[in-house]
Amino acid sequence: PYPYNALGGYVPNVTSGFALETQTRPFYSPKQFANGANVSVVVHEIAHQWYGNSVSVDGWKDIWINEGFARYSQWLWS
């Protein structure tokens, strides 16, 4: 089950070019949706609600675990 009570997303009018997995409200760049829906990036950031936000790693040397599970989630979705 989803680990939180809410989920949304935020697409501010800025030119950052990246997404960020903030808890319950991932941040997306408008550039990521310039050609329409970008389900892959949405799946990746939502996966971080479990891998990175709900359960985190011991230190930066282990951050690959968060990103690895998020990428794996993208692959499963595709």
PDB file of N, CA and C in Angstrom:
ATOM      1  N   PRO A   1       0.820  -1.203   0.000  1.00  0.00           N
ATOM      2  CA  PRO A   1       0.000   0.000   0.000  1.00  0.00           C
ATOM      3  C   PRO A   1       0.863   1.267   0.000  1.00  0.00           C
ATOM      4  N   TYR A   2       0.252   2.336  -0.436  1.00  0.00           N
ATOM      5  CA  TYR A   2       0.932   3.631  -0.459  1.00  0.00           C
ATOM      6  C   TYR A   2       1.202   4.075   0.978  1.00  0.00           C
ATOM      7  N   PRO A   3       2.433   4.523   1.288  1.00  0.00           N
ATOM      8  CA  PRO A   3       2.792   4.790   2.685  1.00  0.00           C
ATOM      9  C   PRO A   3       2.292   6.105   3.284  1.00  0.00           C
ATOM     10  N   TYR A   4       1.590   6.938   2.517  1.00  0.00           N
ATOM     11  CA  TYR A   4       1.156   8.242   3.031  1.00  0.00           C
ATOM     12  C   TYR A   4      -0.334   8.435   2.778  1.00  0.00           C
ATOM     13  N   ASN A   5      -0.900   9.511   3.312  1.00  0.00           N
ATOM     14  CA  ASN A   5      -2.330   9.782   3.168  1.00  0.00           C
ATOM     15  C   ASN A   5      -2.677  10.577   1.921  1.00  0.00           C
ATOM     16  N   ALA A   6      -1.692  11.172   1.264  1.00  0.00           N
ATOM     17  CA  ALA A   6      -1.967  12.015   0.099  1.00  0.00           C
ATOM     18  C   ALA A   6      -0.877  11.826  -0.947  1.00  0.00           C
ATOM     19  N   LEU A   7      -1.203  12.192  -2.190  1.00  0.00           N
ATOM     20  CA  LEU A   7      -0.223  12.193  -3.275  1.00  0.00           C
ATOM     21  C   LEU A   7      -0.633  13.246  -4.282  1.00  0.00           C
ATOM     22  N   GLY A   8       0.317  13.990  -4.721  1.00  0.00           N
ATOM     23  CA  GLY A   8       0.070  15.008  -5.733  1.00  0.00           C
ATOM     24  C   GLY A   8       1.344  15.244  -6.501  1.00  0.00           C
ATOM     25  N   GLY A   9       1.395  16.330  -7.193  1.00  0.00           N
ATOM     26  CA  GLY A   9       2.592  16.703  -7.929  1.00  0.00           C
ATOM     27  C   GLY A   9       2.619  18.201  -8.103  1.00  0.00           C
ATOM     28  N   TYR A  10       3.794  18.721  -8.358  1.00  0.00           N
ATOM     29  CA  TYR A  10       3.972  20.158  -8.486  1.00  0.00           C
ATOM     30  C   TYR A  10       4.813  20.421  -9.724  1.00  0.00           C
ATOM     31  N   VAL A  11       4.280  21.230 -10.643  1.00  0.00           N
ATOM     32  CA  VAL A  11       4.996  21.601 -11.865  1.00  0.00           C
ATOM     33  C   VAL A  11       5.056  23.125 -11.918  1.00  0.00           C
ATOM     34  N   PRO A  12       6.067  23.714 -11.273  1.00  0.00           N
ATOM     35  CA  PRO A  12       6.176  25.182 -11.283  1.00  0.00           C
ATOM     36  C   PRO A  12       6.661  25.685 -12.639  1.00  0.00           C
ATOM     37  N   ASN A  13       6.434  26.917 -12.903  1.00  0.00           N
ATOM     38  CA  ASN A  13       6.851  27.515 -14.171  1.00  0.00           C
ATOM     39  C   ASN A  13       8.309  27.978 -14.071  1.00  0.00           C
ATOM     40  N   VAL A  14       9.212  27.004 -13.976  1.00  0.00           N
ATOM     41  CA  VAL A  14      10.655  27.270 -13.918  1.00  0.00           C
ATOM     42  C   VAL A  14      11.353  26.363 -14.925  1.00  0.00           C
ATOM     43  N   THR A  15      12.578  26.649 -15.215  1.00  0.00           N
ATOM     44  CA  THR A  15      13.307  25.865 -16.216  1.00  0.00           C
ATOM     45  C   THR A  15      14.397  25.012 -15.571  1.00  0.00           C
ATOM     46  N   SER A  16      14.046  24.244 -14.563  1.00  0.00           N
ATOM     47  CA  SER A  16      15.033  23.440 -13.839  1.00  0.00           C
ATOM     48  C   SER A  16      15.526  22.246 -14.649  1.00  0.00           C
ATOM     49  N   GLY A  17      14.634  21.564 -15.353  1.00  0.00           N
ATOM     50  CA  GLY A  17      15.019  20.407 -16.147  1.00  0.00           C
ATOM     51  C   GLY A  17      15.139  19.109 -15.373  1.00  0.00           C
ATOM     52  N   PHE A  18      14.764  19.086 -14.103  1.00  0.00           N
ATOM     53  CA  PHE A  18      14.868  17.856 -13.311  1.00  0.00           C
ATOM     54  C   PHE A  18      13.610  17.660 -12.483  1.00  0.00           C
ATOM     55  N   ALA A  19      13.478  16.457 -11.933  1.00  0.00           N
ATOM     56  CA  ALA A  19      12.387  16.145 -11.016  1.00  0.00           C
ATOM     57  C   ALA A  19      12.995  15.853  -9.648  1.00  0.00           C
ATOM     58  N   LEU A  20      12.184  16.012  -8.611  1.00  0.00           N
ATOM     59  CA  LEU A  20      12.659  15.772  -7.248  1.00  0.00           C
ATOM     60  C   LEU A  20      11.560  15.077  -6.472  1.00  0.00           C
ATOM     61  N   GLU A  21      11.917  14.026  -5.748  1.00  0.00           N
ATOM     62  CA  GLU A  21      10.951  13.175  -5.060  1.00  0.00           C
ATOM     63  C   GLU A  21      10.579  13.677  -3.680  1.00  0.00           C
ATOM     64  N   THR A  22      10.103  14.892  -3.568  1.00  0.00           N
ATOM     65  CA  THR A  22       9.683  15.405  -2.269  1.00  0.00           C
ATOM     66  C   THR A  22       8.490  14.591  -1.754  1.00  0.00           C
ATOM     67  N   GLN A  23       8.421  14.425  -0.450  1.00  0.00           N
ATOM     68  CA  GLN A  23       7.431  13.539   0.154  1.00  0.00           C
ATOM     69  C   GLN A  23       6.005  13.990  -0.134  1.00  0.00           C
ATOM     70  N   THR A  24       5.226  13.132  -0.724  1.00  0.00           N
ATOM     71  CA  THR A  24       3.815  13.255  -1.118  1.00  0.00           C
ATOM     72  C   THR A  24       3.549  14.247  -2.245  1.00  0.00           C
ATOM     73  N   ARG A  25       4.504  15.096  -2.607  1.00  0.00           N
ATOM     74  CA  ARG A  25       4.303  16.071  -3.682  1.00  0.00           C
ATOM     75  C   ARG A  25       5.563  16.181  -4.547  1.00  0.00           C
ATOM     76  N   PRO A  26       5.811  15.199  -5.415  1.00  0.00           N
ATOM     77  CA  PRO A  26       6.990  15.303  -6.272  1.00  0.00           C
ATOM     78  C   PRO A  26       6.975  16.581  -7.109  1.00  0.00           C
ATOM     79  N   PHE A  27       8.147  17.083  -7.357  1.00  0.00           N
ATOM     80  CA  PHE A  27       8.377  18.303  -8.131  1.00  0.00           C
ATOM     81  C   PHE A  27       8.811  17.876  -9.526  1.00  0.00           C
ATOM     82  N   TYR A  28       8.149  18.406 -10.553  1.00  0.00           N
ATOM     83  CA  TYR A  28       8.477  18.083 -11.943  1.00  0.00           C
ATOM     84  C   TYR A  28       8.771  19.365 -12.704  1.00  0.00           C
ATOM     85  N   SER A  29       9.697  19.290 -13.625  1.00  0.00           N
ATOM     86  CA  SER A  29       9.997  20.425 -14.490  1.00  0.00           C
ATOM     87  C   SER A  29       9.022  20.438 -15.665  1.00  0.00           C
ATOM     88  N   PRO A  30       8.554  21.606 -16.088  1.00  0.00           N
ATOM     89  CA  PRO A  30       7.697  21.673 -17.274  1.00  0.00           C
ATOM     90  C   PRO A  30       8.372  21.074 -18.507  1.00  0.00           C
ATOM     91  N   LYS A  31       9.701  21.129 -18.570  1.00  0.00           N
ATOM     92  CA  LYS A  31      10.433  20.557 -19.710  1.00  0.00           C
ATOM     93  C   LYS A  31      10.151  19.066 -19.866  1.00  0.00           C
ATOM     94  N   GLN A  32       9.875  18.393 -18.758  1.00  0.00           N
ATOM     95  CA  GLN A  32       9.647  16.955 -18.810  1.00  0.00           C
ATOM     96  C   GLN A  32       8.309  16.598 -19.447  1.00  0.00           C
ATOM     97  N   PHE A  33       7.450  17.580 -19.617  1.00  0.00           N
ATOM     98  CA  PHE A  33       6.138  17.340 -20.214  1.00  0.00           C
ATOM     99  C   PHE A  33       5.943  18.144 -21.497  1.00  0.00           C
ATOM    100  N   ALA A  34       7.037  18.644 -22.060  1.00  0.00           N
ATOM    101  CA  ALA A  34       6.962  19.478 -23.263  1.00  0.00           C
ATOM    102  C   ALA A  34       6.354  18.730 -24.445  1.00  0.00           C
ATOM    103  N   ASN A  35       6.533  17.410 -24.487  1.00  0.00           N
ATOM    104  CA  ASN A  35       5.995  16.605 -25.587  1.00  0.00           C
ATOM    105  C   ASN A  35       4.800  15.771 -25.153  1.00  0.00           C
ATOM    106  N   GLY A  36       4.120  16.188 -24.092  1.00  0.00           N
ATOM    107  CA  GLY A  36       2.960  15.461 -23.598  1.00  0.00           C
ATOM    108  C   GLY A  36       3.273  14.721 -22.310  1.00  0.00           C
ATOM    109  N   ALA A  37       2.447  13.740 -21.996  1.00  0.00           N
ATOM    110  CA  ALA A  37       2.595  12.983 -20.752  1.00  0.00           C
ATOM    111  C   ALA A  37       3.947  12.279 -20.701  1.00  0.00           C
ATOM    112  N   ASN A  38       4.522  12.222 -19.525  1.00  0.00           N
ATOM    113  CA  ASN A  38       5.804  11.555 -19.310  1.00  0.00           C
ATOM    114  C   ASN A  38       5.628  10.593 -18.137  1.00  0.00           C
ATOM    115  N   VAL A  39       4.949   9.485 -18.413  1.00  0.00           N
ATOM    116  CA  VAL A  39       4.604   8.529 -17.368  1.00  0.00           C
ATOM    117  C   VAL A  39       5.854   7.968 -16.694  1.00  0.00           C
ATOM    118  N   SER A  40       6.907   7.774 -17.451  1.00  0.00           N
ATOM    119  CA  SER A  40       8.128   7.192 -16.908  1.00  0.00           C
ATOM    120  C   SER A  40       8.695   8.012 -15.753  1.00  0.00           C
ATOM    121  N   VAL A  41       8.761   9.327 -15.915  1.00  0.00           N
ATOM    122  CA  VAL A  41       9.311  10.165 -14.846  1.00  0.00           C
ATOM    123  C   VAL A  41       8.353  10.228 -13.654  1.00  0.00           C
ATOM    124  N   VAL A  42       7.065  10.189 -13.904  1.00  0.00           N
ATOM    125  CA  VAL A  42       6.088  10.182 -12.809  1.00  0.00           C
ATOM    126  C   VAL A  42       6.217   8.882 -12.005  1.00  0.00           C
ATOM    127  N   VAL A  43       6.318   7.750 -12.696  1.00  0.00           N
ATOM    128  CA  VAL A  43       6.501   6.464 -12.010  1.00  0.00           C
ATOM    129  C   VAL A  43       7.778   6.484 -11.179  1.00  0.00           C
ATOM    130  N   HIS A  44       8.857   7.012 -11.741  1.00  0.00           N
ATOM    131  CA  HIS A  44      10.143   7.075 -11.035  1.00  0.00           C
ATOM    132  C   HIS A  44      10.016   7.875  -9.740  1.00  0.00           C
ATOM    133  N   GLU A  45       9.420   9.058  -9.821  1.00  0.00           N
ATOM    134  CA  GLU A  45       9.316   9.913  -8.632  1.00  0.00           C
ATOM    135  C   GLU A  45       8.349   9.350  -7.606  1.00  0.00           C
ATOM    136  N   ILE A  46       7.259   8.733  -8.053  1.00  0.00           N
ATOM    137  CA  ILE A  46       6.327   8.117  -7.104  1.00  0.00           C
ATOM    138  C   ILE A  46       6.971   6.909  -6.432  1.00  0.00           C
ATOM    139  N   ALA A  47       7.803   6.167  -7.149  1.00  0.00           N
ATOM    140  CA  ALA A  47       8.506   5.029  -6.545  1.00  0.00           C
ATOM    141  C   ALA A  47       9.368   5.480  -5.375  1.00  0.00           C
ATOM    142  N   HIS A  48       9.890   6.691  -5.454  1.00  0.00           N
ATOM    143  CA  HIS A  48      10.698   7.215  -4.351  1.00  0.00           C
ATOM    144  C   HIS A  48       9.883   7.412  -3.071  1.00  0.00           C
ATOM    145  N   GLN A  49       8.560   7.413  -3.155  1.00  0.00           N
ATOM    146  CA  GLN A  49       7.758   7.524  -1.940  1.00  0.00           C
ATOM    147  C   GLN A  49       7.999   6.307  -1.045  1.00  0.00           C
ATOM    148  N   TRP A  50       8.317   5.168  -1.665  1.00  0.00           N
ATOM    149  CA  TRP A  50       8.673   3.975  -0.905  1.00  0.00           C
ATOM    150  C   TRP A  50      10.186   3.885  -0.703  1.00  0.00           C
ATOM    151  N   TYR A  51      10.933   4.069  -1.775  1.00  0.00           N
ATOM    152  CA  TYR A  51      12.393   3.897  -1.753  1.00  0.00           C
ATOM    153  C   TYR A  51      13.055   5.262  -1.710  1.00  0.00           C
ATOM    154  N   GLY A  52      13.304   5.754  -0.540  1.00  0.00           N
ATOM    155  CA  GLY A  52      13.952   7.048  -0.378  1.00  0.00           C
ATOM    156  C   GLY A  52      13.220   7.938   0.603  1.00  0.00           C
ATOM    157  N   ASN A  53      11.893   7.933   0.560  1.00  0.00           N
ATOM    158  CA  ASN A  53      11.129   8.772   1.484  1.00  0.00           C
ATOM    159  C   ASN A  53      10.603   7.969   2.669  1.00  0.00           C
ATOM    160  N   SER A  54      10.097   6.780   2.422  1.00  0.00           N
ATOM    161  CA  SER A  54       9.584   5.947   3.507  1.00  0.00           C
ATOM    162  C   SER A  54      10.720   5.179   4.188  1.00  0.00           C
ATOM    163  N   VAL A  55      11.629   4.651   3.385  1.00  0.00           N
ATOM    164  CA  VAL A  55      12.814   3.944   3.879  1.00  0.00           C
ATOM    165  C   VAL A  55      14.015   4.606   3.232  1.00  0.00           C
ATOM    166  N   SER A  56      14.942   5.061   4.033  1.00  0.00           N
ATOM    167  CA  SER A  56      16.102   5.751   3.459  1.00  0.00           C
ATOM    168  C   SER A  56      17.392   4.989   3.748  1.00  0.00           C
ATOM    169  N   VAL A  57      18.429   5.357   3.038  1.00  0.00           N
ATOM    170  CA  VAL A  57      19.723   4.686   3.158  1.00  0.00           C
ATOM    171  C   VAL A  57      20.539   5.300   4.294  1.00  0.00           C
ATOM    172  N   ASP A  58      21.604   4.621   4.648  1.00  0.00           N
ATOM    173  CA  ASP A  58      22.462   5.057   5.746  1.00  0.00           C
ATOM    174  C   ASP A  58      23.279   6.296   5.394  1.00  0.00           C
ATOM    175  N   GLY A  59      23.698   6.408   4.152  1.00  0.00           N
ATOM    176  CA  GLY A  59      24.519   7.548   3.743  1.00  0.00           C
ATOM    177  C   GLY A  59      24.530   7.710   2.234  1.00  0.00           C
ATOM    178  N   TRP A  60      25.185   8.758   1.762  1.00  0.00           N
ATOM    179  CA  TRP A  60      25.219   9.058   0.330  1.00  0.00           C
ATOM    180  C   TRP A  60      25.864   7.954  -0.489  1.00  0.00           C
ATOM    181  N   LYS A  61      26.768   7.191   0.115  1.00  0.00           N
ATOM    182  CA  LYS A  61      27.415   6.107  -0.624  1.00  0.00           C
ATOM    183  C   LYS A  61      26.409   5.024  -1.022  1.00  0.00           C
ATOM    184  N   ASP A  62      25.256   5.013  -0.387  1.00  0.00           N
ATOM    185  CA  ASP A  62      24.232   4.010  -0.668  1.00  0.00           C
ATOM    186  C   ASP A  62      23.045   4.560  -1.454  1.00  0.00           C
ATOM    187  N   ILE A  63      23.148   5.771  -1.954  1.00  0.00           N
ATOM    188  CA  ILE A  63      22.013   6.397  -2.652  1.00  0.00           C
ATOM    189  C   ILE A  63      21.603   5.622  -3.904  1.00  0.00           C
ATOM    190  N   TRP A  64      22.514   4.830  -4.431  1.00  0.00           N
ATOM    191  CA  TRP A  64      22.202   4.021  -5.603  1.00  0.00           C
ATOM    192  C   TRP A  64      21.016   3.091  -5.330  1.00  0.00           C
ATOM    193  N   ILE A  65      20.811   2.714  -4.064  1.00  0.00           N
ATOM    194  CA  ILE A  65      19.685   1.837  -3.731  1.00  0.00           C
ATOM    195  C   ILE A  65      18.367   2.555  -4.029  1.00  0.00           C
ATOM    196  N   ASN A  66      18.229   3.807  -3.599  1.00  0.00           N
ATOM    197  CA  ASN A  66      17.011   4.590  -3.883  1.00  0.00           C
ATOM    198  C   ASN A  66      16.778   4.697  -5.384  1.00  0.00           C
ATOM    199  N   GLU A  67      17.827   5.100  -6.098  1.00  0.00           N
ATOM    200  CA  GLU A  67      17.695   5.292  -7.541  1.00  0.00           C
ATOM    201  C   GLU A  67      17.505   3.967  -8.265  1.00  0.00           C
ATOM    202  N   GLY A  68      18.175   2.933  -7.781  1.00  0.00           N
ATOM    203  CA  GLY A  68      18.036   1.618  -8.406  1.00  0.00           C
ATOM    204  C   GLY A  68      16.616   1.089  -8.328  1.00  0.00           C
ATOM    205  N   PHE A  69      15.992   1.204  -7.157  1.00  0.00           N
ATOM    206  CA  PHE A  69      14.611   0.741  -7.027  1.00  0.00           C
ATOM    207  C   PHE A  69      13.643   1.616  -7.823  1.00  0.00           C
ATOM    208  N   ALA A  70      13.912   2.903  -7.890  1.00  0.00           N
ATOM    209  CA  ALA A  70      13.054   3.779  -8.697  1.00  0.00           C
ATOM    210  C   ALA A  70      13.175   3.424 -10.180  1.00  0.00           C
ATOM    211  N   ARG A  71      14.392   3.169 -10.652  1.00  0.00           N
ATOM    212  CA  ARG A  71      14.591   2.764 -12.049  1.00  0.00           C
ATOM    213  C   ARG A  71      13.953   1.401 -12.317  1.00  0.00           C
ATOM    214  N   TYR A  72      14.067   0.491 -11.364  1.00  0.00           N
ATOM    215  CA  TYR A  72      13.446  -0.823 -11.491  1.00  0.00           C
ATOM    216  C   TYR A  72      11.929  -0.676 -11.588  1.00  0.00           C
ATOM    217  N   SER A  73      11.356   0.222 -10.809  1.00  0.00           N
ATOM    218  CA  SER A  73       9.912   0.482 -10.876  1.00  0.00           C
ATOM    219  C   SER A  73       9.522   0.997 -12.254  1.00  0.00           C
ATOM    220  N   GLN A  74      10.342   1.873 -12.827  1.00  0.00           N
ATOM    221  CA  GLN A  74      10.094   2.353 -14.189  1.00  0.00           C
ATOM    222  C   GLN A  74      10.068   1.183 -15.163  1.00  0.00           C
ATOM    223  N   TRP A  75      11.039   0.303 -15.032  1.00  0.00           N
ATOM    224  CA  TRP A  75      11.127  -0.850 -15.924  1.00  0.00           C
ATOM    225  C   TRP A  75       9.895  -1.744 -15.765  1.00  0.00           C
ATOM    226  N   LEU A  76       9.473  -2.001 -14.518  1.00  0.00           N
ATOM    227  CA  LEU A  76       8.281  -2.817 -14.287  1.00  0.00           C
ATOM    228  C   LEU A  76       7.047  -2.185 -14.924  1.00  0.00           C
ATOM    229  N   TRP A  77       6.918  -0.873 -14.823  1.00  0.00           N
ATOM    230  CA  TRP A  77       5.758  -0.172 -15.372  1.00  0.00           C
ATOM    231  C   TRP A  77       5.734  -0.254 -16.892  1.00  0.00           C
ATOM    232  N   SER A  78       6.924  -0.183 -17.498  1.00  0.00           N
ATOM    233  CA  SER A  78       6.972  -0.182 -18.967  1.00  0.00           C
ATOM    234  C   SER A  78       6.629  -1.551 -19.512  1.00  0.00           C
TER     235      SER A  78
END
